[in-house]
């Protein structure tokens, strides 16, 4: 009826928007299509490649890693053993540490680690202890790979946690970055040895 005041609406409680608008949050568990899963995987591996290029710019072996949880990056890092004078400062270990701090837990169940090269034994051990669900890596490491190339740590039957592995994702780009780095290093060493 006209002239009568409408009943007051109850205000809605404020909600905090925690959505990362830059990254779609769809995951396989939430029903993402294979096409979307592929696009997300490309995005995360490209982020790992950007980290690897940062390592290269710092004079480190160009390896980068990204930890994904629920469609968001929760940890990213690049190799820093020289810069930090720390033999454990591999990209994977540093990314796991950051993800643990971000999520407030040393167990990273449900997370996927994207890394530009097959993890070594040290990194694979850290991945197993962190309970990472899946590892997606770029190029194989025929000298020290611990996801099947030299050792099989990530899915060893004696261990109490097994990690799903996707090998060779964006292998060409990841491998070429490393090959170019070592070609340049060998060239520099030859030049340095001739000038002595």
N, C-alpha and C. Protein backbone atom coordinates (compact mmCIF):
# COMPACT_ATOMS: atom_id res chain seq x y z
N UNK A 1 0.83 -1.18 0.00
CA UNK A 1 0.00 0.00 0.00
C UNK A 1 0.87 1.24 0.00
N UNK A 2 0.33 2.28 -0.68
CA UNK A 2 1.08 3.54 -0.75
C UNK A 2 1.09 4.23 0.60
N UNK A 3 2.20 4.92 0.81
CA UNK A 3 2.28 5.74 2.00
C UNK A 3 2.77 5.00 3.23
N UNK A 4 2.79 3.68 3.19
CA UNK A 4 3.29 2.95 4.35
C UNK A 4 4.76 2.63 4.13
N UNK A 5 5.58 2.80 5.16
CA UNK A 5 7.02 2.52 5.01
C UNK A 5 7.25 1.02 4.81
N UNK A 6 8.26 0.73 3.95
CA UNK A 6 8.64 -0.67 3.73
C UNK A 6 9.43 -1.16 4.93
N UNK A 7 9.30 -2.43 5.26
CA UNK A 7 10.10 -2.94 6.37
C UNK A 7 11.59 -2.81 6.04
N UNK A 8 12.37 -2.50 7.05
CA UNK A 8 13.82 -2.32 6.86
C UNK A 8 14.46 -3.66 6.50
N UNK A 9 15.37 -3.61 5.54
CA UNK A 9 16.11 -4.82 5.16
C UNK A 9 17.23 -5.06 6.16
N UNK A 10 17.46 -6.33 6.43
CA UNK A 10 18.57 -6.67 7.31
C UNK A 10 19.86 -6.59 6.48
N UNK A 11 20.83 -5.88 6.98
CA UNK A 11 22.08 -5.79 6.21
C UNK A 11 22.76 -7.15 6.11
N UNK A 12 23.34 -7.40 4.94
CA UNK A 12 24.08 -8.66 4.75
C UNK A 12 25.44 -8.54 5.44
N UNK A 13 25.88 -9.63 6.02
CA UNK A 13 27.21 -9.56 6.65
C UNK A 13 28.28 -9.38 5.57
N UNK A 14 29.28 -8.56 5.91
CA UNK A 14 30.38 -8.34 4.96
C UNK A 14 31.19 -9.62 4.82
N UNK A 15 31.55 -9.92 3.60
CA UNK A 15 32.39 -11.10 3.37
C UNK A 15 33.69 -10.64 2.74
N UNK A 16 34.74 -11.30 3.14
CA UNK A 16 36.05 -10.97 2.59
C UNK A 16 36.23 -11.72 1.28
N UNK A 17 36.56 -11.02 0.22
CA UNK A 17 36.78 -11.63 -1.08
C UNK A 17 38.23 -12.10 -1.14
N UNK A 18 38.42 -13.40 -1.08
CA UNK A 18 39.77 -13.95 -1.11
C UNK A 18 40.12 -14.52 -2.47
N UNK A 19 39.31 -14.25 -3.46
CA UNK A 19 39.56 -14.79 -4.78
C UNK A 19 40.75 -14.09 -5.42
N UNK A 20 41.63 -14.88 -6.03
CA UNK A 20 42.73 -14.34 -6.81
C UNK A 20 42.20 -14.14 -8.22
N UNK A 21 41.79 -12.89 -8.53
CA UNK A 21 41.13 -12.62 -9.80
C UNK A 21 42.04 -12.82 -11.00
N UNK A 22 43.35 -12.81 -10.77
CA UNK A 22 44.27 -12.96 -11.89
C UNK A 22 44.39 -14.42 -12.32
N UNK A 23 44.00 -15.35 -11.47
CA UNK A 23 44.16 -16.76 -11.77
C UNK A 23 42.84 -17.48 -11.58
N UNK A 24 42.32 -18.15 -12.62
CA UNK A 24 41.10 -18.94 -12.42
C UNK A 24 41.32 -19.98 -11.34
N UNK A 25 40.31 -20.20 -10.52
CA UNK A 25 40.47 -21.12 -9.40
C UNK A 25 39.98 -22.52 -9.70
N UNK A 26 39.53 -22.77 -10.92
CA UNK A 26 39.04 -24.11 -11.24
C UNK A 26 40.18 -25.12 -11.20
N UNK A 27 39.91 -26.26 -10.61
CA UNK A 27 40.87 -27.34 -10.54
C UNK A 27 40.17 -28.61 -11.00
N UNK A 28 40.92 -29.69 -11.27
CA UNK A 28 40.27 -30.93 -11.69
C UNK A 28 39.20 -31.39 -10.71
N UNK A 29 39.46 -31.22 -9.39
CA UNK A 29 38.49 -31.66 -8.40
C UNK A 29 37.20 -30.84 -8.47
N UNK A 30 37.30 -29.60 -8.96
CA UNK A 30 36.13 -28.74 -9.04
C UNK A 30 35.46 -28.83 -10.41
N UNK A 31 35.88 -29.76 -11.24
CA UNK A 31 35.21 -29.98 -12.50
C UNK A 31 35.75 -29.18 -13.67
N UNK A 32 37.01 -28.78 -13.64
CA UNK A 32 37.58 -28.04 -14.76
C UNK A 32 37.66 -28.95 -15.98
N UNK A 33 37.45 -28.37 -17.13
CA UNK A 33 37.56 -29.14 -18.37
C UNK A 33 39.03 -29.44 -18.63
N UNK A 34 39.34 -30.48 -19.42
CA UNK A 34 40.74 -30.75 -19.75
C UNK A 34 41.41 -29.55 -20.42
N UNK A 35 40.64 -28.80 -21.23
CA UNK A 35 41.21 -27.62 -21.89
C UNK A 35 41.63 -26.57 -20.86
N UNK A 36 40.78 -26.33 -19.87
CA UNK A 36 41.12 -25.35 -18.83
C UNK A 36 42.29 -25.86 -18.00
N UNK A 37 42.31 -27.14 -17.69
CA UNK A 37 43.43 -27.71 -16.94
C UNK A 37 44.73 -27.48 -17.70
N UNK A 38 44.69 -27.68 -19.02
CA UNK A 38 45.88 -27.47 -19.84
C UNK A 38 46.32 -26.03 -19.85
N UNK A 39 45.37 -25.10 -19.93
CA UNK A 39 45.71 -23.67 -19.91
C UNK A 39 46.32 -23.28 -18.57
N UNK A 40 45.76 -23.81 -17.49
CA UNK A 40 46.30 -23.50 -16.16
C UNK A 40 47.71 -24.08 -16.01
N UNK A 41 47.92 -25.30 -16.49
CA UNK A 41 49.24 -25.92 -16.42
C UNK A 41 50.26 -25.08 -17.20
N UNK A 42 49.88 -24.60 -18.37
CA UNK A 42 50.77 -23.74 -19.15
C UNK A 42 51.11 -22.47 -18.38
N UNK A 43 50.12 -21.88 -17.74
CA UNK A 43 50.34 -20.65 -16.97
C UNK A 43 51.34 -20.89 -15.84
N UNK A 44 51.18 -22.00 -15.12
CA UNK A 44 52.06 -22.26 -13.99
C UNK A 44 53.47 -22.61 -14.45
N UNK A 45 53.59 -23.38 -15.55
CA UNK A 45 54.94 -23.70 -16.03
C UNK A 45 55.62 -22.46 -16.60
N UNK A 46 54.85 -21.58 -17.23
CA UNK A 46 55.45 -20.32 -17.71
C UNK A 46 55.95 -19.48 -16.54
N UNK A 47 55.21 -19.52 -15.44
CA UNK A 47 55.66 -18.80 -14.23
C UNK A 47 56.97 -19.42 -13.72
N UNK A 48 57.07 -20.75 -13.78
CA UNK A 48 58.31 -21.42 -13.37
C UNK A 48 59.46 -21.03 -14.31
N UNK A 49 59.18 -20.92 -15.61
CA UNK A 49 60.21 -20.50 -16.57
C UNK A 49 60.67 -19.07 -16.29
N UNK A 50 59.75 -18.19 -15.91
CA UNK A 50 60.14 -16.82 -15.55
C UNK A 50 61.09 -16.84 -14.35
N UNK A 51 60.80 -17.71 -13.40
CA UNK A 51 61.69 -17.85 -12.24
C UNK A 51 63.06 -18.35 -12.68
N UNK A 52 63.08 -19.32 -13.61
CA UNK A 52 64.36 -19.85 -14.10
C UNK A 52 65.18 -18.76 -14.76
N UNK A 53 64.52 -17.86 -15.48
CA UNK A 53 65.24 -16.76 -16.14
C UNK A 53 65.80 -15.78 -15.11
N UNK A 54 65.11 -15.63 -13.99
CA UNK A 54 65.65 -14.80 -12.90
C UNK A 54 66.93 -15.43 -12.35
N UNK A 55 66.93 -16.76 -12.21
CA UNK A 55 68.14 -17.45 -11.74
C UNK A 55 69.29 -17.20 -12.71
N UNK A 56 69.01 -17.34 -13.99
CA UNK A 56 70.03 -17.12 -15.01
C UNK A 56 70.60 -15.71 -14.92
N UNK A 57 69.74 -14.72 -14.74
CA UNK A 57 70.19 -13.33 -14.64
C UNK A 57 71.10 -13.11 -13.43
N UNK A 58 70.93 -13.96 -12.40
CA UNK A 58 71.76 -13.86 -11.19
C UNK A 58 73.00 -14.75 -11.27
N UNK A 59 73.22 -15.41 -12.42
CA UNK A 59 74.38 -16.28 -12.58
C UNK A 59 74.20 -17.67 -12.01
N UNK A 60 72.97 -18.03 -11.68
CA UNK A 60 72.66 -19.36 -11.14
C UNK A 60 72.19 -20.26 -12.28
N UNK A 61 72.26 -21.56 -12.07
CA UNK A 61 71.71 -22.50 -13.05
C UNK A 61 70.22 -22.20 -13.18
N UNK A 62 69.73 -22.00 -14.42
CA UNK A 62 68.34 -21.54 -14.60
C UNK A 62 67.28 -22.61 -14.36
N UNK A 63 66.89 -22.72 -13.10
CA UNK A 63 65.81 -23.63 -12.71
C UNK A 63 64.80 -22.80 -11.93
N UNK A 64 63.52 -22.99 -12.25
CA UNK A 64 62.47 -22.29 -11.54
C UNK A 64 61.38 -23.25 -11.11
N UNK A 65 60.68 -22.89 -10.05
CA UNK A 65 59.62 -23.76 -9.52
C UNK A 65 58.46 -22.91 -9.01
N UNK A 66 57.27 -23.48 -9.13
CA UNK A 66 56.03 -22.84 -8.66
C UNK A 66 55.18 -23.89 -7.97
N UNK A 67 54.64 -23.56 -6.81
CA UNK A 67 53.71 -24.45 -6.11
C UNK A 67 52.31 -23.89 -6.30
N UNK A 68 51.40 -24.74 -6.78
CA UNK A 68 50.00 -24.34 -7.03
C UNK A 68 49.09 -25.05 -6.04
N UNK A 69 48.12 -24.31 -5.52
CA UNK A 69 47.10 -24.88 -4.64
C UNK A 69 45.77 -24.24 -4.98
N UNK A 70 44.77 -25.04 -5.30
CA UNK A 70 43.44 -24.54 -5.65
C UNK A 70 43.48 -23.49 -6.76
N UNK A 71 44.34 -23.70 -7.74
CA UNK A 71 44.40 -22.80 -8.89
C UNK A 71 45.15 -21.51 -8.65
N UNK A 72 45.86 -21.40 -7.52
CA UNK A 72 46.63 -20.19 -7.20
C UNK A 72 48.07 -20.54 -6.91
N UNK A 73 48.97 -19.64 -7.24
CA UNK A 73 50.37 -19.82 -6.88
C UNK A 73 50.54 -19.48 -5.40
N UNK A 74 51.06 -20.43 -4.62
CA UNK A 74 51.29 -20.19 -3.19
C UNK A 74 52.77 -20.17 -2.85
N UNK A 75 53.61 -20.50 -3.81
CA UNK A 75 55.05 -20.44 -3.61
C UNK A 75 55.75 -20.44 -4.95
N UNK A 76 56.76 -19.60 -5.07
CA UNK A 76 57.55 -19.57 -6.31
C UNK A 76 58.98 -19.25 -5.93
N UNK A 77 59.93 -19.78 -6.70
CA UNK A 77 61.34 -19.54 -6.39
C UNK A 77 62.20 -19.97 -7.58
N UNK A 78 63.46 -19.56 -7.51
CA UNK A 78 64.44 -19.98 -8.50
C UNK A 78 65.70 -20.41 -7.76
N UNK A 79 66.58 -21.09 -8.48
CA UNK A 79 67.83 -21.56 -7.88
C UNK A 79 68.61 -20.40 -7.28
N UNK A 80 69.15 -20.63 -6.04
CA UNK A 80 69.94 -19.58 -5.40
C UNK A 80 71.08 -20.14 -4.54
N UNK A 81 71.61 -21.33 -4.84
CA UNK A 81 72.67 -21.85 -3.96
C UNK A 81 73.92 -20.98 -3.94
N UNK A 82 74.28 -20.37 -5.07
CA UNK A 82 75.47 -19.52 -5.11
C UNK A 82 75.21 -18.23 -4.32
N UNK A 83 74.12 -17.56 -4.63
CA UNK A 83 73.80 -16.29 -3.99
C UNK A 83 73.58 -16.41 -2.49
N UNK A 84 73.02 -17.53 -2.06
CA UNK A 84 72.75 -17.71 -0.62
C UNK A 84 73.84 -18.52 0.09
N UNK A 85 74.85 -18.98 -0.67
CA UNK A 85 75.89 -19.87 -0.11
C UNK A 85 75.23 -21.03 0.63
N UNK A 86 74.25 -21.64 -0.04
CA UNK A 86 73.43 -22.69 0.59
C UNK A 86 73.22 -23.83 -0.41
N UNK A 87 73.83 -24.99 -0.17
CA UNK A 87 73.67 -26.09 -1.11
C UNK A 87 72.24 -26.61 -1.23
N UNK A 88 71.38 -26.27 -0.27
CA UNK A 88 69.98 -26.73 -0.35
C UNK A 88 69.06 -25.72 -1.02
N UNK A 89 69.59 -24.61 -1.49
CA UNK A 89 68.74 -23.54 -2.04
C UNK A 89 68.36 -23.79 -3.50
N UNK A 90 67.88 -25.00 -3.77
CA UNK A 90 67.34 -25.31 -5.09
C UNK A 90 65.95 -24.69 -5.21
N UNK A 91 65.53 -24.44 -6.43
CA UNK A 91 64.24 -23.78 -6.68
C UNK A 91 63.10 -24.51 -5.98
N UNK A 92 63.10 -25.84 -6.08
CA UNK A 92 62.00 -26.62 -5.50
C UNK A 92 61.92 -26.44 -3.99
N UNK A 93 63.06 -26.54 -3.32
CA UNK A 93 63.09 -26.43 -1.86
C UNK A 93 62.63 -25.04 -1.42
N UNK A 94 63.13 -24.01 -2.09
CA UNK A 94 62.73 -22.64 -1.72
C UNK A 94 61.24 -22.41 -1.97
N UNK A 95 60.72 -22.95 -3.08
CA UNK A 95 59.29 -22.79 -3.38
C UNK A 95 58.44 -23.54 -2.35
N UNK A 96 58.88 -24.72 -1.93
CA UNK A 96 58.15 -25.48 -0.90
C UNK A 96 58.14 -24.71 0.42
N UNK A 97 59.26 -24.11 0.77
CA UNK A 97 59.33 -23.34 2.02
C UNK A 97 58.33 -22.18 1.99
N UNK A 98 58.30 -21.49 0.87
CA UNK A 98 57.37 -20.35 0.75
C UNK A 98 55.92 -20.79 0.79
N UNK A 99 55.63 -21.91 0.12
CA UNK A 99 54.26 -22.44 0.13
C UNK A 99 53.86 -22.84 1.54
N UNK A 100 54.77 -23.47 2.27
CA UNK A 100 54.48 -23.86 3.65
C UNK A 100 54.15 -22.67 4.53
N UNK A 101 54.94 -21.59 4.37
CA UNK A 101 54.66 -20.38 5.15
C UNK A 101 53.32 -19.77 4.75
N UNK A 102 53.04 -19.74 3.44
CA UNK A 102 51.80 -19.14 2.95
C UNK A 102 50.57 -19.91 3.46
N UNK A 103 50.66 -21.25 3.42
CA UNK A 103 49.53 -22.07 3.83
C UNK A 103 49.52 -22.37 5.33
N UNK A 104 50.60 -22.02 6.01
CA UNK A 104 50.66 -22.26 7.45
C UNK A 104 50.74 -23.73 7.81
N UNK A 105 51.41 -24.50 6.95
CA UNK A 105 51.49 -25.94 7.20
C UNK A 105 52.70 -26.51 6.47
N UNK A 106 53.43 -27.41 7.12
CA UNK A 106 54.56 -28.04 6.43
C UNK A 106 54.09 -29.17 5.52
N UNK A 107 52.86 -29.59 5.67
CA UNK A 107 52.26 -30.57 4.77
C UNK A 107 51.55 -29.81 3.66
N UNK A 108 51.89 -30.09 2.44
CA UNK A 108 51.34 -29.38 1.29
C UNK A 108 50.44 -30.30 0.46
N UNK A 109 49.62 -31.06 1.16
CA UNK A 109 48.69 -31.98 0.50
C UNK A 109 47.78 -31.20 -0.44
N UNK A 110 47.53 -31.75 -1.60
CA UNK A 110 46.66 -31.09 -2.57
C UNK A 110 47.39 -30.09 -3.46
N UNK A 111 48.68 -29.89 -3.23
CA UNK A 111 49.46 -28.95 -4.05
C UNK A 111 50.14 -29.65 -5.21
N UNK A 112 50.35 -28.89 -6.27
CA UNK A 112 51.13 -29.36 -7.42
C UNK A 112 52.36 -28.49 -7.54
N UNK A 113 53.50 -29.14 -7.76
CA UNK A 113 54.76 -28.42 -7.97
C UNK A 113 55.09 -28.47 -9.46
N UNK A 114 55.27 -27.29 -10.05
CA UNK A 114 55.72 -27.16 -11.43
C UNK A 114 57.18 -26.76 -11.38
N UNK A 115 58.04 -27.50 -12.07
CA UNK A 115 59.47 -27.20 -12.06
C UNK A 115 60.05 -27.44 -13.44
N UNK A 116 61.02 -26.64 -13.81
CA UNK A 116 61.53 -26.66 -15.18
C UNK A 116 62.42 -27.86 -15.47
N UNK A 117 62.96 -28.52 -14.46
CA UNK A 117 63.79 -29.71 -14.65
C UNK A 117 63.38 -30.77 -13.64
N UNK A 118 63.63 -32.01 -13.97
CA UNK A 118 63.33 -33.13 -13.07
C UNK A 118 64.04 -32.93 -11.74
N UNK A 119 63.34 -33.07 -10.63
CA UNK A 119 63.96 -32.85 -9.32
C UNK A 119 65.08 -33.85 -9.03
N UNK A 120 66.09 -33.36 -8.29
CA UNK A 120 67.19 -34.22 -7.83
C UNK A 120 66.72 -35.01 -6.60
N UNK A 121 67.59 -35.85 -6.06
CA UNK A 121 67.23 -36.68 -4.90
C UNK A 121 66.87 -35.83 -3.68
N UNK A 122 67.64 -34.76 -3.45
CA UNK A 122 67.36 -33.90 -2.29
C UNK A 122 65.97 -33.27 -2.42
N UNK A 123 65.69 -32.71 -3.60
CA UNK A 123 64.40 -32.05 -3.81
C UNK A 123 63.26 -33.06 -3.79
N UNK A 124 63.49 -34.22 -4.38
CA UNK A 124 62.46 -35.26 -4.39
C UNK A 124 62.13 -35.70 -2.96
N UNK A 125 63.14 -35.81 -2.11
CA UNK A 125 62.89 -36.15 -0.71
C UNK A 125 62.05 -35.09 -0.02
N UNK A 126 62.35 -33.83 -0.27
CA UNK A 126 61.56 -32.73 0.32
C UNK A 126 60.13 -32.76 -0.20
N UNK A 127 59.95 -33.08 -1.47
CA UNK A 127 58.62 -33.15 -2.08
C UNK A 127 57.79 -34.25 -1.42
N UNK A 128 58.42 -35.40 -1.19
CA UNK A 128 57.72 -36.52 -0.55
C UNK A 128 57.35 -36.14 0.89
N UNK A 129 58.29 -35.56 1.63
CA UNK A 129 58.01 -35.18 3.02
C UNK A 129 56.92 -34.12 3.10
N UNK A 130 56.84 -33.25 2.10
CA UNK A 130 55.80 -32.21 2.09
C UNK A 130 54.44 -32.76 1.68
N UNK A 131 54.40 -33.99 1.20
CA UNK A 131 53.15 -34.64 0.75
C UNK A 131 52.54 -33.92 -0.46
N UNK A 132 53.41 -33.42 -1.33
CA UNK A 132 52.94 -32.82 -2.58
C UNK A 132 52.15 -33.88 -3.35
N UNK A 133 51.03 -33.48 -3.92
CA UNK A 133 50.19 -34.42 -4.64
C UNK A 133 50.77 -34.79 -6.01
N UNK A 134 51.28 -33.76 -6.72
CA UNK A 134 51.69 -33.99 -8.11
C UNK A 134 52.89 -33.10 -8.44
N UNK A 135 53.79 -33.63 -9.26
CA UNK A 135 54.91 -32.86 -9.79
C UNK A 135 54.80 -32.86 -11.31
N UNK A 136 54.90 -31.67 -11.88
CA UNK A 136 54.92 -31.50 -13.33
C UNK A 136 56.27 -30.89 -13.64
N UNK A 137 57.11 -31.60 -14.40
CA UNK A 137 58.42 -31.04 -14.71
C UNK A 137 58.66 -30.98 -16.20
N UNK A 138 59.58 -30.08 -16.58
CA UNK A 138 59.88 -29.84 -17.99
C UNK A 138 60.85 -30.85 -18.57
N UNK A 139 62.14 -30.61 -18.40
CA UNK A 139 63.15 -31.46 -19.04
C UNK A 139 63.68 -32.50 -18.07
N UNK A 140 64.02 -33.65 -18.61
CA UNK A 140 64.59 -34.72 -17.79
C UNK A 140 66.02 -34.38 -17.41
N UNK A 141 66.49 -34.96 -16.30
CA UNK A 141 67.88 -34.79 -15.86
C UNK A 141 68.54 -36.16 -15.88
N UNK A 142 69.28 -36.42 -16.95
CA UNK A 142 69.89 -37.74 -17.15
C UNK A 142 71.03 -38.02 -16.18
N UNK A 143 71.50 -36.99 -15.48
CA UNK A 143 72.62 -37.18 -14.55
C UNK A 143 72.17 -37.30 -13.09
N UNK A 144 71.08 -36.61 -12.74
CA UNK A 144 70.70 -36.59 -11.31
C UNK A 144 69.20 -36.64 -11.08
N UNK A 145 68.40 -36.91 -12.09
CA UNK A 145 66.95 -36.92 -11.94
C UNK A 145 66.46 -38.01 -11.01
N UNK A 146 65.59 -37.65 -10.06
CA UNK A 146 65.09 -38.60 -9.07
C UNK A 146 63.60 -38.88 -9.24
N UNK A 147 63.08 -38.62 -10.46
CA UNK A 147 61.68 -38.95 -10.76
C UNK A 147 61.63 -40.03 -11.84
N UNK A 148 62.70 -40.83 -11.93
CA UNK A 148 62.71 -41.93 -12.89
C UNK A 148 63.91 -41.98 -13.81
N UNK A 149 64.56 -40.85 -14.05
CA UNK A 149 65.70 -40.86 -14.99
C UNK A 149 66.91 -41.59 -14.42
N UNK A 150 67.29 -41.30 -13.18
CA UNK A 150 68.42 -41.96 -12.52
C UNK A 150 67.93 -42.72 -11.29
N UNK A 151 67.14 -42.07 -10.48
CA UNK A 151 66.56 -42.65 -9.27
C UNK A 151 65.04 -42.54 -9.34
N UNK A 152 64.36 -43.35 -8.53
CA UNK A 152 62.90 -43.26 -8.45
C UNK A 152 62.51 -42.98 -7.00
N UNK A 153 62.55 -41.71 -6.63
CA UNK A 153 62.24 -41.32 -5.26
C UNK A 153 60.77 -40.96 -5.12
N UNK A 154 60.22 -40.25 -6.11
CA UNK A 154 58.86 -39.72 -5.97
C UNK A 154 57.78 -40.79 -5.87
N UNK A 155 58.02 -41.95 -6.40
CA UNK A 155 57.00 -43.00 -6.28
C UNK A 155 57.63 -44.33 -5.87
N UNK A 156 58.62 -44.26 -4.99
CA UNK A 156 59.29 -45.47 -4.52
C UNK A 156 58.34 -46.28 -3.65
N UNK A 157 58.24 -47.58 -3.91
CA UNK A 157 57.26 -48.40 -3.16
C UNK A 157 57.51 -48.50 -1.66
N UNK A 158 58.74 -48.25 -1.21
CA UNK A 158 59.04 -48.34 0.22
C UNK A 158 58.64 -47.09 0.99
N UNK A 159 58.37 -46.01 0.29
CA UNK A 159 58.02 -44.76 0.97
C UNK A 159 56.53 -44.70 1.26
N UNK A 160 56.17 -43.94 2.29
CA UNK A 160 54.76 -43.89 2.70
C UNK A 160 53.94 -42.87 1.92
N UNK A 161 54.56 -42.16 0.99
CA UNK A 161 53.81 -41.22 0.14
C UNK A 161 54.35 -41.33 -1.28
N UNK A 162 53.45 -41.40 -2.22
CA UNK A 162 53.83 -41.44 -3.64
C UNK A 162 53.25 -40.24 -4.34
N UNK A 163 54.06 -39.66 -5.20
CA UNK A 163 53.70 -38.43 -5.90
C UNK A 163 53.36 -38.75 -7.35
N UNK A 164 52.26 -38.20 -7.84
CA UNK A 164 51.94 -38.32 -9.26
C UNK A 164 52.96 -37.48 -10.03
N UNK A 165 53.41 -37.99 -11.17
CA UNK A 165 54.43 -37.27 -11.94
C UNK A 165 53.96 -37.11 -13.38
N UNK A 166 54.08 -35.88 -13.89
CA UNK A 166 53.89 -35.60 -15.31
C UNK A 166 55.23 -35.11 -15.82
N UNK A 167 55.85 -35.89 -16.70
CA UNK A 167 57.19 -35.57 -17.19
C UNK A 167 57.13 -34.96 -18.59
N UNK A 168 58.09 -34.10 -18.89
CA UNK A 168 58.24 -33.57 -20.24
C UNK A 168 57.25 -32.50 -20.63
N UNK A 169 56.69 -31.79 -19.65
CA UNK A 169 55.72 -30.72 -19.96
C UNK A 169 56.50 -29.46 -20.34
N UNK A 170 56.26 -28.93 -21.53
CA UNK A 170 57.02 -27.80 -22.09
C UNK A 170 58.52 -28.13 -22.09
N UNK A 171 58.82 -29.37 -22.43
CA UNK A 171 60.20 -29.87 -22.37
C UNK A 171 61.15 -29.07 -23.25
N UNK A 172 60.71 -28.72 -24.45
CA UNK A 172 61.59 -28.00 -25.38
C UNK A 172 62.05 -26.66 -24.80
N UNK A 173 61.11 -25.87 -24.30
CA UNK A 173 61.46 -24.56 -23.75
C UNK A 173 62.34 -24.68 -22.51
N UNK A 174 61.98 -25.60 -21.63
CA UNK A 174 62.76 -25.78 -20.40
C UNK A 174 64.16 -26.29 -20.70
N UNK A 175 64.25 -27.26 -21.61
CA UNK A 175 65.55 -27.82 -21.96
C UNK A 175 66.44 -26.82 -22.67
N UNK A 176 65.87 -26.03 -23.57
CA UNK A 176 66.68 -25.07 -24.33
C UNK A 176 67.26 -23.99 -23.42
N UNK A 177 66.52 -23.58 -22.41
CA UNK A 177 67.03 -22.59 -21.46
C UNK A 177 68.29 -23.11 -20.77
N UNK A 178 68.24 -24.36 -20.33
CA UNK A 178 69.41 -24.96 -19.67
C UNK A 178 70.56 -25.16 -20.65
N UNK A 179 70.26 -25.68 -21.85
CA UNK A 179 71.33 -25.91 -22.83
C UNK A 179 72.03 -24.61 -23.20
N UNK A 180 71.27 -23.55 -23.41
CA UNK A 180 71.86 -22.26 -23.76
C UNK A 180 72.73 -21.74 -22.63
N UNK A 181 72.28 -21.92 -21.40
CA UNK A 181 73.06 -21.46 -20.24
C UNK A 181 74.40 -22.18 -20.19
N UNK A 182 74.39 -23.51 -20.34
CA UNK A 182 75.65 -24.26 -20.25
C UNK A 182 76.54 -24.04 -21.47
N UNK A 183 75.96 -23.81 -22.65
CA UNK A 183 76.77 -23.45 -23.82
C UNK A 183 77.52 -22.15 -23.56
N UNK A 184 76.80 -21.16 -23.01
CA UNK A 184 77.40 -19.87 -22.71
C UNK A 184 78.49 -20.01 -21.65
N UNK A 185 78.22 -20.84 -20.65
CA UNK A 185 79.21 -21.03 -19.59
C UNK A 185 80.48 -21.67 -20.14
N UNK A 186 80.34 -22.71 -20.98
CA UNK A 186 81.51 -23.37 -21.58
C UNK A 186 82.30 -22.40 -22.45
N UNK A 187 81.58 -21.57 -23.20
CA UNK A 187 82.23 -20.58 -24.06
C UNK A 187 83.05 -19.60 -23.22
N UNK A 188 82.46 -19.13 -22.13
CA UNK A 188 83.15 -18.21 -21.24
C UNK A 188 84.39 -18.86 -20.62
N UNK A 189 84.26 -20.13 -20.23
CA UNK A 189 85.41 -20.85 -19.64
C UNK A 189 86.53 -20.98 -20.64
N UNK A 190 86.20 -21.24 -21.94
CA UNK A 190 87.23 -21.35 -22.98
C UNK A 190 87.94 -20.00 -23.16
N UNK A 191 87.15 -18.93 -23.21
CA UNK A 191 87.73 -17.60 -23.36
C UNK A 191 88.62 -17.26 -22.18
N UNK A 192 88.14 -17.57 -20.97
CA UNK A 192 88.93 -17.29 -19.77
C UNK A 192 90.23 -18.08 -19.76
N UNK A 193 90.18 -19.34 -20.20
CA UNK A 193 91.39 -20.18 -20.19
C UNK A 193 92.41 -19.70 -21.24
N UNK A 194 91.93 -19.13 -22.35
CA UNK A 194 92.84 -18.62 -23.37
C UNK A 194 93.52 -17.33 -22.91
N UNK A 195 92.85 -16.57 -22.05
CA UNK A 195 93.43 -15.30 -21.60
C UNK A 195 94.40 -15.47 -20.45
N UNK A 196 94.48 -16.68 -19.87
CA UNK A 196 95.40 -16.93 -18.75
C UNK A 196 96.84 -17.10 -19.24
